PDB file of N, CA and C in Angstrom:
ATOM      1  N   MET A   1      62.523 130.158 114.987  1.00  0.00           N
ATOM      2  CA  MET A   1      61.802 128.915 114.742  1.00  0.00           C
ATOM      3  C   MET A   1      60.617 128.777 115.697  1.00  0.00           C
ATOM      4  N   LEU A   2      60.851 129.145 116.956  1.00  0.00           N
ATOM      5  CA  LEU A   2      59.769 129.038 117.934  1.00  0.00           C
ATOM      6  C   LEU A   2      58.614 129.955 117.560  1.00  0.00           C
ATOM      7  N   GLU A   3      58.937 131.142 117.055  1.00  0.00           N
ATOM      8  CA  GLU A   3      57.894 132.083 116.646  1.00  0.00           C
ATOM      9  C   GLU A   3      57.057 131.495 115.508  1.00  0.00           C
ATOM     10  N   LYS A   4      57.725 130.835 114.543  1.00  0.00           N
ATOM     11  CA  LYS A   4      57.004 130.217 113.431  1.00  0.00           C
ATOM     12  C   LYS A   4      56.111 129.089 113.947  1.00  0.00           C
ATOM     13  N   THR A   5      56.656 128.282 114.843  1.00  0.00           N
ATOM     14  CA  THR A   5      55.889 127.166 115.400  1.00  0.00           C
ATOM     15  C   THR A   5      54.664 127.682 116.141  1.00  0.00           C
ATOM     16  N   THR A   6      54.843 128.720 116.919  1.00  0.00           N
ATOM     17  CA  THR A   6      53.717 129.307 117.660  1.00  0.00           C
ATOM     18  C   THR A   6      52.663 129.835 116.699  1.00  0.00           C
ATOM     19  N   ARG A   7      53.116 130.526 115.657  1.00  0.00           N
ATOM     20  CA  ARG A   7      52.174 131.069 114.667  1.00  0.00           C
ATOM     21  C   ARG A   7      51.405 129.940 113.983  1.00  0.00           C
ATOM     22  N   VAL A   8      52.111 128.902 113.544  1.00  0.00           N
ATOM     23  CA  VAL A   8      51.447 127.781 112.867  1.00  0.00           C
ATOM     24  C   VAL A   8      50.451 127.111 113.814  1.00  0.00           C
ATOM     25  N   ASN A   9      50.815 126.970 115.085  1.00  0.00           N
ATOM     26  CA  ASN A   9      49.888 126.374 116.055  1.00  0.00           C
ATOM     27  C   ASN A   9      48.612 127.208 116.186  1.00  0.00           C
ATOM     28  N   PHE A  10      48.761 128.525 116.234  1.00  0.00           N
ATOM     29  CA  PHE A  10      47.577 129.390 116.300  1.00  0.00           C
ATOM     30  C   PHE A  10      46.742 129.264 115.028  1.00  0.00           C
ATOM     31  N   LEU A  11      47.405 129.323 113.885  1.00  0.00           N
ATOM     32  CA  LEU A  11      46.671 129.201 112.617  1.00  0.00           C
ATOM     33  C   LEU A  11      45.960 127.859 112.545  1.00  0.00           C
ATOM     34  N   PHE A  12      46.625 126.814 112.996  1.00  0.00           N
ATOM     35  CA  PHE A  12      46.017 125.482 113.013  1.00  0.00           C
ATOM     36  C   PHE A  12      44.775 125.486 113.896  1.00  0.00           C
ATOM     37  N   ASP A  13      44.855 126.118 115.053  1.00  0.00           N
ATOM     38  CA  ASP A  13      43.689 126.202 115.945  1.00  0.00           C
ATOM     39  C   ASP A  13      42.508 126.879 115.253  1.00  0.00           C
ATOM     40  N   PHE A  14      42.794 127.948 114.539  1.00  0.00           N
ATOM     41  CA  PHE A  14      41.723 128.696 113.890  1.00  0.00           C
ATOM     42  C   PHE A  14      41.149 128.010 112.653  1.00  0.00           C
ATOM     43  N   TYR A  15      42.004 127.361 111.873  1.00  0.00           N
ATOM     44  CA  TYR A  15      41.579 126.888 110.552  1.00  0.00           C
ATOM     45  C   TYR A  15      41.585 125.374 110.374  1.00  0.00           C
ATOM     46  N   GLN A  16      41.801 124.604 111.423  1.00  0.00           N
ATOM     47  CA  GLN A  16      41.912 123.156 111.253  1.00  0.00           C
ATOM     48  C   GLN A  16      40.656 122.518 110.675  1.00  0.00           C
ATOM     49  N   SER A  17      39.518 123.100 110.917  1.00  0.00           N
ATOM     50  CA  SER A  17      38.278 122.513 110.381  1.00  0.00           C
ATOM     51  C   SER A  17      38.205 122.623 108.852  1.00  0.00           C
ATOM     52  N   LEU A  18      39.059 123.461 108.254  1.00  0.00           N
ATOM     53  CA  LEU A  18      39.082 123.611 106.807  1.00  0.00           C
ATOM     54  C   LEU A  18      40.054 122.634 106.138  1.00  0.00           C
ATOM     55  N   LEU A  19      40.772 121.866 106.931  1.00  0.00           N
ATOM     56  CA  LEU A  19      41.761 120.926 106.409  1.00  0.00           C
ATOM     57  C   LEU A  19      41.169 119.536 106.237  1.00  0.00           C
ATOM     58  N   THR A  20      41.841 118.741 105.395  1.00  0.00           N
ATOM     59  CA  THR A  20      41.434 117.336 105.256  1.00  0.00           C
ATOM     60  C   THR A  20      41.886 116.584 106.498  1.00  0.00           C
ATOM     61  N   ASP A  21      41.360 115.394 106.683  1.00  0.00           N
ATOM     62  CA  ASP A  21      41.756 114.581 107.840  1.00  0.00           C
ATOM     63  C   ASP A  21      43.258 114.322 107.845  1.00  0.00           C
ATOM     64  N   LYS A  22      43.812 113.979 106.690  1.00  0.00           N
ATOM     65  CA  LYS A  22      45.239 113.683 106.609  1.00  0.00           C
ATOM     66  C   LYS A  22      46.068 114.923 106.937  1.00  0.00           C
ATOM     67  N   GLN A  23      45.683 116.072 106.418  1.00  0.00           N
ATOM     68  CA  GLN A  23      46.403 117.306 106.729  1.00  0.00           C
ATOM     69  C   GLN A  23      46.341 117.601 108.227  1.00  0.00           C
ATOM     70  N   ARG A  24      45.162 117.436 108.790  1.00  0.00           N
ATOM     71  CA  ARG A  24      44.964 117.703 110.215  1.00  0.00           C
ATOM     72  C   ARG A  24      45.834 116.767 111.061  1.00  0.00           C
ATOM     73  N   ILE A  25      45.848 115.488 110.704  1.00  0.00           N
ATOM     74  CA  ILE A  25      46.622 114.505 111.471  1.00  0.00           C
ATOM     75  C   ILE A  25      48.113 114.812 111.388  1.00  0.00           C
ATOM     76  N   TYR A  26      48.629 115.035 110.180  1.00  0.00           N
ATOM     77  CA  TYR A  26      50.055 115.305 110.020  1.00  0.00           C
ATOM     78  C   TYR A  26      50.466 116.572 110.773  1.00  0.00           C
ATOM     79  N   MET A  27      49.658 117.616 110.678  1.00  0.00           N
ATOM     80  CA  MET A  27      49.981 118.869 111.367  1.00  0.00           C
ATOM     81  C   MET A  27      49.950 118.689 112.883  1.00  0.00           C
ATOM     82  N   GLN A  28      48.971 117.962 113.356  1.00  0.00           N
ATOM     83  CA  GLN A  28      48.878 117.731 114.798  1.00  0.00           C
ATOM     84  C   GLN A  28      50.075 116.931 115.287  1.00  0.00           C
ATOM     85  N   LEU A  29      50.416 115.885 114.572  1.00  0.00           N
ATOM     86  CA  LEU A  29      51.554 115.068 114.985  1.00  0.00           C
ATOM     87  C   LEU A  29      52.859 115.856 114.919  1.00  0.00           C
ATOM     88  N   TYR A  30      53.034 116.641 113.876  1.00  0.00           N
ATOM     89  CA  TYR A  30      54.289 117.367 113.684  1.00  0.00           C
ATOM     90  C   TYR A  30      54.410 118.565 114.620  1.00  0.00           C
ATOM     91  N   TYR A  31      53.377 119.379 114.704  1.00  0.00           N
ATOM     92  CA  TYR A  31      53.473 120.619 115.479  1.00  0.00           C
ATOM     93  C   TYR A  31      53.032 120.478 116.932  1.00  0.00           C
ATOM     94  N   LEU A  32      51.972 119.756 117.176  1.00  0.00           N
ATOM     95  CA  LEU A  32      51.469 119.670 118.552  1.00  0.00           C
ATOM     96  C   LEU A  32      52.114 118.538 119.340  1.00  0.00           C
ATOM     97  N   ASP A  33      52.273 117.372 118.691  1.00  0.00           N
ATOM     98  CA  ASP A  33      52.845 116.218 119.385  1.00  0.00           C
ATOM     99  C   ASP A  33      54.359 116.138 119.224  1.00  0.00           C
ATOM    100  N   ASP A  34      54.925 117.019 118.398  1.00  0.00           N
ATOM    101  CA  ASP A  34      56.370 117.150 118.204  1.00  0.00           C
ATOM    102  C   ASP A  34      57.030 115.868 117.680  1.00  0.00           C
ATOM    103  N   LEU A  35      56.326 115.140 116.826  1.00  0.00           N
ATOM    104  CA  LEU A  35      56.927 113.976 116.178  1.00  0.00           C
ATOM    105  C   LEU A  35      57.762 114.452 114.996  1.00  0.00           C
ATOM    106  N   SER A  36      58.796 113.710 114.671  1.00  0.00           N
ATOM    107  CA  SER A  36      59.624 114.058 113.515  1.00  0.00           C
ATOM    108  C   SER A  36      58.925 113.613 112.240  1.00  0.00           C
ATOM    109  N   LEU A  37      59.397 114.139 111.113  1.00  0.00           N
ATOM    110  CA  LEU A  37      58.842 113.730 109.822  1.00  0.00           C
ATOM    111  C   LEU A  37      59.029 112.227 109.622  1.00  0.00           C
ATOM    112  N   GLY A  38      60.190 111.721 110.025  1.00  0.00           N
ATOM    113  CA  GLY A  38      60.466 110.293 109.900  1.00  0.00           C
ATOM    114  C   GLY A  38      59.526 109.437 110.733  1.00  0.00           C
ATOM    115  N   GLU A  39      59.220 109.887 111.945  1.00  0.00           N
ATOM    116  CA  GLU A  39      58.308 109.131 112.815  1.00  0.00           C
ATOM    117  C   GLU A  39      56.903 109.090 112.220  1.00  0.00           C
ATOM    118  N   ILE A  40      56.463 110.202 111.688  1.00  0.00           N
ATOM    119  CA  ILE A  40      55.131 110.249 111.073  1.00  0.00           C
ATOM    120  C   ILE A  40      55.112 109.362 109.834  1.00  0.00           C
ATOM    121  N   ALA A  41      56.163 109.454 109.026  1.00  0.00           N
ATOM    122  CA  ALA A  41      56.253 108.641 107.809  1.00  0.00           C
ATOM    123  C   ALA A  41      56.210 107.154 108.146  1.00  0.00           C
ATOM    124  N   GLU A  42      56.921 106.771 109.175  1.00  0.00           N
ATOM    125  CA  GLU A  42      56.946 105.362 109.586  1.00  0.00           C
ATOM    126  C   GLU A  42      55.569 104.913 110.055  1.00  0.00           C
ATOM    127  N   GLU A  43      54.916 105.745 110.852  1.00  0.00           N
ATOM    128  CA  GLU A  43      53.600 105.391 111.386  1.00  0.00           C
ATOM    129  C   GLU A  43      52.561 105.219 110.289  1.00  0.00           C
ATOM    130  N   TYR A  44      52.647 106.037 109.249  1.00  0.00           N
ATOM    131  CA  TYR A  44      51.639 105.996 108.180  1.00  0.00           C
ATOM    132  C   TYR A  44      52.137 105.308 106.909  1.00  0.00           C
ATOM    133  N   GLU A  45      53.334 104.710 107.009  1.00  0.00           N
ATOM    134  CA  GLU A  45      53.914 103.939 105.912  1.00  0.00           C
ATOM    135  C   GLU A  45      53.959 104.733 104.605  1.00  0.00           C
ATOM    136  N   VAL A  46      54.480 105.944 104.714  1.00  0.00           N
ATOM    137  CA  VAL A  46      54.716 106.797 103.547  1.00  0.00           C
ATOM    138  C   VAL A  46      56.148 107.304 103.661  1.00  0.00           C
ATOM    139  N   SER A  47      56.627 107.968 102.615  1.00  0.00           N
ATOM    140  CA  SER A  47      57.991 108.494 102.666  1.00  0.00           C
ATOM    141  C   SER A  47      58.043 109.753 103.531  1.00  0.00           C
ATOM    142  N   ARG A  48      59.228 110.010 104.033  1.00  0.00           N
ATOM    143  CA  ARG A  48      59.450 111.220 104.810  1.00  0.00           C
ATOM    144  C   ARG A  48      59.169 112.442 103.930  1.00  0.00           C
ATOM    145  N   GLN A  49      59.546 112.365 102.668  1.00  0.00           N
ATOM    146  CA  GLN A  49      59.314 113.458 101.720  1.00  0.00           C
ATOM    147  C   GLN A  49      57.815 113.733 101.548  1.00  0.00           C
ATOM    148  N   ALA A  50      57.005 112.676 101.532  1.00  0.00           N
ATOM    149  CA  ALA A  50      55.555 112.845 101.395  1.00  0.00           C
ATOM    150  C   ALA A  50      54.988 113.608 102.588  1.00  0.00           C
ATOM    151  N   VAL A  51      55.458 113.271 103.775  1.00  0.00           N
ATOM    152  CA  VAL A  51      55.002 113.974 104.979  1.00  0.00           C
ATOM    153  C   VAL A  51      55.469 115.430 104.927  1.00  0.00           C
ATOM    154  N   TYR A  52      56.738 115.633 104.566  1.00  0.00           N
ATOM    155  CA  TYR A  52      57.295 116.976 104.474  1.00  0.00           C
ATOM    156  C   TYR A  52      56.476 117.834 103.505  1.00  0.00           C
ATOM    157  N   ASP A  53      56.224 117.294 102.319  1.00  0.00           N
ATOM    158  CA  ASP A  53      55.450 118.041 101.311  1.00  0.00           C
ATOM    159  C   ASP A  53      54.055 118.379 101.822  1.00  0.00           C
ATOM    160  N   ASN A  54      53.416 117.422 102.472  1.00  0.00           N
ATOM    161  CA  ASN A  54      52.070 117.644 102.997  1.00  0.00           C
ATOM    162  C   ASN A  54      52.076 118.741 104.063  1.00  0.00           C
ATOM    163  N   VAL A  55      53.049 118.684 104.972  1.00  0.00           N
ATOM    164  CA  VAL A  55      53.131 119.681 106.040  1.00  0.00           C
ATOM    165  C   VAL A  55      53.388 121.071 105.448  1.00  0.00           C
ATOM    166  N   ARG A  56      54.317 121.184 104.508  1.00  0.00           N
ATOM    167  CA  ARG A  56      54.631 122.493 103.905  1.00  0.00           C
ATOM    168  C   ARG A  56      53.439 123.047 103.122  1.00  0.00           C
ATOM    169  N   ARG A  57      52.758 122.193 102.358  1.00  0.00           N
ATOM    170  CA  ARG A  57      51.567 122.647 101.621  1.00  0.00           C
ATOM    171  C   ARG A  57      50.480 123.106 102.592  1.00  0.00           C
ATOM    172  N   THR A  58      50.319 122.373 103.669  1.00  0.00           N
ATOM    173  CA  THR A  58      49.298 122.725 104.657  1.00  0.00           C
ATOM    174  C   THR A  58      49.645 124.042 105.343  1.00  0.00           C
ATOM    175  N   GLU A  59      50.920 124.246 105.655  1.00  0.00           N
ATOM    176  CA  GLU A  59      51.345 125.531 106.226  1.00  0.00           C
ATOM    177  C   GLU A  59      50.991 126.675 105.276  1.00  0.00           C
ATOM    178  N   ALA A  60      51.252 126.484 103.995  1.00  0.00           N
ATOM    179  CA  ALA A  60      50.934 127.510 102.999  1.00  0.00           C
ATOM    180  C   ALA A  60      49.426 127.755 102.934  1.00  0.00           C
ATOM    181  N   MET A  61      48.656 126.696 103.032  1.00  0.00           N
ATOM    182  CA  MET A  61      47.193 126.846 103.026  1.00  0.00           C
ATOM    183  C   MET A  61      46.730 127.637 104.242  1.00  0.00           C
ATOM    184  N   LEU A  62      47.301 127.334 105.418  1.00  0.00           N
ATOM    185  CA  LEU A  62      46.924 128.050 106.633  1.00  0.00           C
ATOM    186  C   LEU A  62      47.248 129.540 106.497  1.00  0.00           C
ATOM    187  N   GLU A  63      48.417 129.844 105.933  1.00  0.00           N
ATOM    188  CA  GLU A  63      48.785 131.245 105.720  1.00  0.00           C
ATOM    189  C   GLU A  63      47.833 131.910 104.722  1.00  0.00           C
ATOM    190  N   ASP A  64      47.427 131.172 103.709  1.00  0.00           N
ATOM    191  CA  ASP A  64      46.483 131.705 102.719  1.00  0.00           C
ATOM    192  C   ASP A  64      45.120 131.982 103.369  1.00  0.00           C
ATOM    193  N   TYR A  65      44.658 131.049 104.195  1.00  0.00           N
ATOM    194  CA  TYR A  65      43.389 131.275 104.919  1.00  0.00           C
ATOM    195  C   TYR A  65      43.497 132.522 105.790  1.00  0.00           C
ATOM    196  N   GLU A  66      44.640 132.674 106.463  1.00  0.00           N
ATOM    197  CA  GLU A  66      44.821 133.838 107.333  1.00  0.00           C
ATOM    198  C   GLU A  66      44.839 135.131 106.518  1.00  0.00           C
ATOM    199  N   ALA A  67      45.477 135.095 105.362  1.00  0.00           N
ATOM    200  CA  ALA A  67      45.524 136.286 104.503  1.00  0.00           C
ATOM    201  C   ALA A  67      44.118 136.701 104.065  1.00  0.00           C
ATOM    202  N   LYS A  68      43.261 135.725 103.862  1.00  0.00           N
ATOM    203  CA  LYS A  68      41.902 136.020 103.396  1.00  0.00           C
ATOM    204  C   LYS A  68      40.930 136.320 104.535  1.00  0.00           C
ATOM    205  N   LEU A  69      41.037 135.589 105.637  1.00  0.00           N
ATOM    206  CA  LEU A  69      40.054 135.705 106.715  1.00  0.00           C
ATOM    207  C   LEU A  69      40.542 136.512 107.923  1.00  0.00           C
ATOM    208  N   ALA A  70      41.836 136.526 108.149  1.00  0.00           N
ATOM    209  CA  ALA A  70      42.473 137.319 109.216  1.00  0.00           C
ATOM    210  C   ALA A  70      41.931 137.031 110.613  1.00  0.00           C
ATOM    211  N   LEU A  71      41.555 135.808 110.891  1.00  0.00           N
ATOM    212  CA  LEU A  71      41.038 135.469 112.220  1.00  0.00           C
ATOM    213  C   LEU A  71      42.118 135.604 113.293  1.00  0.00           C
ATOM    214  N   PHE A  72      43.326 135.153 112.992  1.00  0.00           N
ATOM    215  CA  PHE A  72      44.421 135.247 113.965  1.00  0.00           C
ATOM    216  C   PHE A  72      44.800 136.706 114.205  1.00  0.00           C
ATOM    217  N   HIS A  73      44.865 137.490 113.154  1.00  0.00           N
ATOM    218  CA  HIS A  73      45.189 138.917 113.287  1.00  0.00           C
ATOM    219  C   HIS A  73      44.146 139.625 114.159  1.00  0.00           C
ATOM    220  N   LYS A  74      42.881 139.348 113.910  1.00  0.00           N
ATOM    221  CA  LYS A  74      41.811 139.959 114.713  1.00  0.00           C
ATOM    222  C   LYS A  74      41.889 139.503 116.168  1.00  0.00           C
ATOM    223  N   PHE A  75      42.234 138.234 116.383  1.00  0.00           N
ATOM    224  CA  PHE A  75      42.413 137.704 117.737  1.00  0.00           C
ATOM    225  C   PHE A  75      43.536 138.455 118.452  1.00  0.00           C
ATOM    226  N   GLN A  76      44.656 138.668 117.757  1.00  0.00           N
ATOM    227  CA  GLN A  76      45.773 139.396 118.349  1.00  0.00           C
ATOM    228  C   GLN A  76      45.378 140.829 118.703  1.00  0.00           C
ATOM    229  N   GLU A  77      44.663 141.487 117.807  1.00  0.00           N
ATOM    230  CA  GLU A  77      44.224 142.860 118.080  1.00  0.00           C
ATOM    231  C   GLU A  77      43.298 142.913 119.292  1.00  0.00           C
ATOM    232  N   ARG A  78      42.349 141.972 119.370  1.00  0.00           N
ATOM    233  CA  ARG A  78      41.443 141.938 120.531  1.00  0.00           C
ATOM    234  C   ARG A  78      42.224 141.688 121.810  1.00  0.00           C
ATOM    235  N   SER A  79      43.188 140.781 121.764  1.00  0.00           N
ATOM    236  CA  SER A  79      43.999 140.481 122.947  1.00  0.00           C
ATOM    237  C   SER A  79      44.768 141.714 123.421  1.00  0.00           C
ATOM    238  N   GLU A  80      45.327 142.467 122.482  1.00  0.00           N
ATOM    239  CA  GLU A  80      46.054 143.690 122.834  1.00  0.00           C
ATOM    240  C   GLU A  80      45.120 144.721 123.457  1.00  0.00           C
ATOM    241  N   LEU A  81      43.923 144.876 122.890  1.00  0.00           N
ATOM    242  CA  LEU A  81      42.957 145.834 123.449  1.00  0.00           C
ATOM    243  C   LEU A  81      42.523 145.421 124.856  1.00  0.00           C
ATOM    244  N   ILE A  82      42.298 144.150 125.050  1.00  0.00           N
ATOM    245  CA  ILE A  82      41.908 143.658 126.380  1.00  0.00           C
ATOM    246  C   ILE A  82      43.018 143.931 127.384  1.00  0.00           C
ATOM    247  N   GLU A  83      44.259 143.697 126.969  1.00  0.00           N
ATOM    248  CA  GLU A  83      45.395 143.954 127.852  1.00  0.00           C
ATOM    249  C   GLU A  83      45.481 145.432 128.218  1.00  0.00           C
ATOM    250  N   GLN A  84      45.275 146.309 127.237  1.00  0.00           N
ATOM    251  CA  GLN A  84      45.295 147.750 127.510  1.00  0.00           C
ATOM    252  C   GLN A  84      44.190 148.143 128.484  1.00  0.00           C
ATOM    253  N   ILE A  85      43.008 147.592 128.287  1.00  0.00           N
ATOM    254  CA  ILE A  85      41.882 147.894 129.186  1.00  0.00           C
ATOM    255  C   ILE A  85      42.204 147.421 130.596  1.00  0.00           C
ATOM    256  N   GLU A  86      42.743 146.215 130.715  1.00  0.00           N
ATOM    257  CA  GLU A  86      43.076 145.688 132.040  1.00  0.00           C
ATOM    258  C   GLU A  86      44.140 146.543 132.729  1.00  0.00           C
ATOM    259  N   GLN A  87      45.134 147.010 131.968  1.00  0.00           N
ATOM    260  CA  GLN A  87      46.163 147.878 132.544  1.00  0.00           C
ATOM    261  C   GLN A  87      45.561 149.182 133.041  1.00  0.00           C
ATOM    262  N   ARG A  88      44.695 149.759 132.224  1.00  0.00           N
ATOM    263  CA  ARG A  88      44.082 151.034 132.628  1.00  0.00           C
ATOM    264  C   ARG A  88      43.172 150.861 133.832  1.00  0.00           C
ATOM    265  N   LEU A  89      42.447 149.752 133.875  1.00  0.00           N
ATOM    266  CA  LEU A  89      41.588 149.499 135.026  1.00  0.00           C
ATOM    267  C   LEU A  89      42.413 149.332 136.297  1.00  0.00           C
ATOM    268  N   SER A  90      43.549 148.670 136.196  1.00  0.00           N
ATOM    269  CA  SER A  90      44.387 148.495 137.386  1.00  0.00           C
ATOM    270  C   SER A  90      44.951 149.827 137.838  1.00  0.00           C
ATOM    271  N   ILE A  91      45.310 150.702 136.894  1.00  0.00           N
ATOM    272  CA  ILE A  91      45.795 152.045 137.249  1.00  0.00           C
ATOM    273  C   ILE A  91      44.677 152.834 137.908  1.00  0.00           C
ATOM    274  N   GLU A  92      43.480 152.788 137.325  1.00  0.00           N
ATOM    275  CA  GLU A  92      42.335 153.503 137.893  1.00  0.00           C
ATOM    276  C   GLU A  92      42.022 152.997 139.299  1.00  0.00           C
ATOM    277  N   LYS A  93      42.103 151.679 139.485  1.00  0.00           N
ATOM    278  CA  LYS A  93      41.830 151.110 140.811  1.00  0.00           C
ATOM    279  C   LYS A  93      42.865 151.602 141.805  1.00  0.00           C
ATOM    280  N   ALA A  94      44.122 151.606 141.396  1.00  0.00           N
ATOM    281  CA  ALA A  94      45.181 152.083 142.284  1.00  0.00           C
ATOM    282  C   ALA A  94      44.942 153.552 142.639  1.00  0.00           C
ATOM    283  N   LEU A  95      44.574 154.361 141.658  1.00  0.00           N
ATOM    284  CA  LEU A  95      44.293 155.777 141.923  1.00  0.00           C
ATOM    285  C   LEU A  95      43.080 155.928 142.832  1.00  0.00           C
ATOM    286  N   THR A  96      42.050 155.141 142.566  1.00  0.00           N
ATOM    287  CA  THR A  96      40.840 155.196 143.385  1.00  0.00           C
ATOM    288  C   THR A  96      41.159 154.816 144.827  1.00  0.00           C
ATOM    289  N   ASP A  97      41.941 153.754 145.014  1.00  0.00           N
ATOM    290  CA  ASP A  97      42.330 153.328 146.363  1.00  0.00           C
ATOM    291  C   ASP A  97      43.143 154.411 147.059  1.00  0.00           C
ATOM    292  N   GLU A  98      44.037 155.058 146.310  1.00  0.00           N
ATOM    293  CA  GLU A  98      44.874 156.116 146.881  1.00  0.00           C
ATOM    294  C   GLU A  98      44.027 157.320 147.278  1.00  0.00           C
ATOM    295  N   VAL A  99      43.084 157.691 146.435  1.00  0.00           N
ATOM    296  CA  VAL A  99      42.199 158.820 146.739  1.00  0.00           C
ATOM    297  C   VAL A  99      41.351 158.502 147.973  1.00  0.00           C
ATOM    298  N   GLN A 100      40.843 157.296 148.056  1.00  0.00           N
ATOM    299  CA  GLN A 100      40.043 156.914 149.227  1.00  0.00           C
ATOM    300  C   GLN A 100      40.882 156.955 150.500  1.00  0.00           C
ATOM    301  N   MET A 101      42.125 156.540 150.409  1.00  0.00           N
ATOM    302  CA  MET A 101      43.004 156.584 151.576  1.00  0.00           C
ATOM    303  C   MET A 101      43.244 158.037 152.007  1.00  0.00           C
ATOM    304  N   LEU A 102      43.459 158.927 151.042  1.00  0.00           N
ATOM    305  CA  LEU A 102      43.663 160.342 151.362  1.00  0.00           C
ATOM    306  C   LEU A 102      42.404 160.951 151.977  1.00  0.00           C
ATOM    307  N   LEU A 103      41.253 160.613 151.426  1.00  0.00           N
ATOM    308  CA  LEU A 103      39.992 161.101 151.999  1.00  0.00           C
ATOM    309  C   LEU A 103      39.831 160.620 153.437  1.00  0.00           C
ATOM    310  N   GLN A 104      40.186 159.373 153.681  1.00  0.00           N
ATOM    311  CA  GLN A 104      40.085 158.827 155.035  1.00  0.00           C
ATOM    312  C   GLN A 104      40.998 159.581 155.980  1.00  0.00           C
ATOM    313  N   GLN A 105      42.189 159.907 155.526  1.00  0.00           N
ATOM    314  CA  GLN A 105      43.119 160.681 156.364  1.00  0.00           C
ATOM    315  C   GLN A 105      42.565 162.064 156.677  1.00  0.00           C
ATOM    316  N   ILE A 106      41.947 162.681 155.678  1.00  0.00           N
ATOM    317  CA  ILE A 106      41.344 164.003 155.886  1.00  0.00           C
ATOM    318  C   ILE A 106      40.218 163.896 156.893  1.00  0.00           C
ATOM    319  N   LYS A 107      39.387 162.877 156.776  1.00  0.00           N
ATOM    320  CA  LYS A 107      38.272 162.683 157.717  1.00  0.00           C
ATOM    321  C   LYS A 107      38.786 162.479 159.129  1.00  0.00           C
ATOM    322  N   GLU A 108      39.899 161.779 159.266  1.00  0.00           N
ATOM    323  CA  GLU A 108      40.453 161.521 160.600  1.00  0.00           C
ATOM    324  C   GLU A 108      40.985 162.792 161.268  1.00  0.00           C
ATOM    325  N   HIS A 109      41.347 163.778 160.456  1.00  0.00           N
ATOM    326  CA  HIS A 109      41.847 165.053 161.004  1.00  0.00           C
ATOM    327  C   HIS A 109      40.733 165.962 161.483  1.00  0.00           C
ATOM    328  N   ASP A 110      39.511 165.682 161.126  1.00  0.00           N
ATOM    329  CA  ASP A 110      38.380 166.518 161.571  1.00  0.00           C
ATOM    330  C   ASP A 110      37.938 166.191 162.943  1.00  0.00           C
TER     331      ASP A 110
END
């Protein structure tokens, strides 16, 4: 469930500008503010079922946008590449520091 919530939050971040105001509000209240369907329904004087249907339809729309535009997928790929680069740079730095230390030891023996 947490994985789904995290995914929906990311999709919402990427595609919220494509949603209607009502869709945006319901999704924000449900996923970001962690309000229950009943609390949202009470606040907006609609049925819990109406909120549920709106949230589920909006989730499907977000998944459809992702299937077509793949912004979240591309973000994940870039994040993985950045992480790999950072790991390699840290390894290179460690090797560089070690080589410099060995060179210093050699210089001290002269």
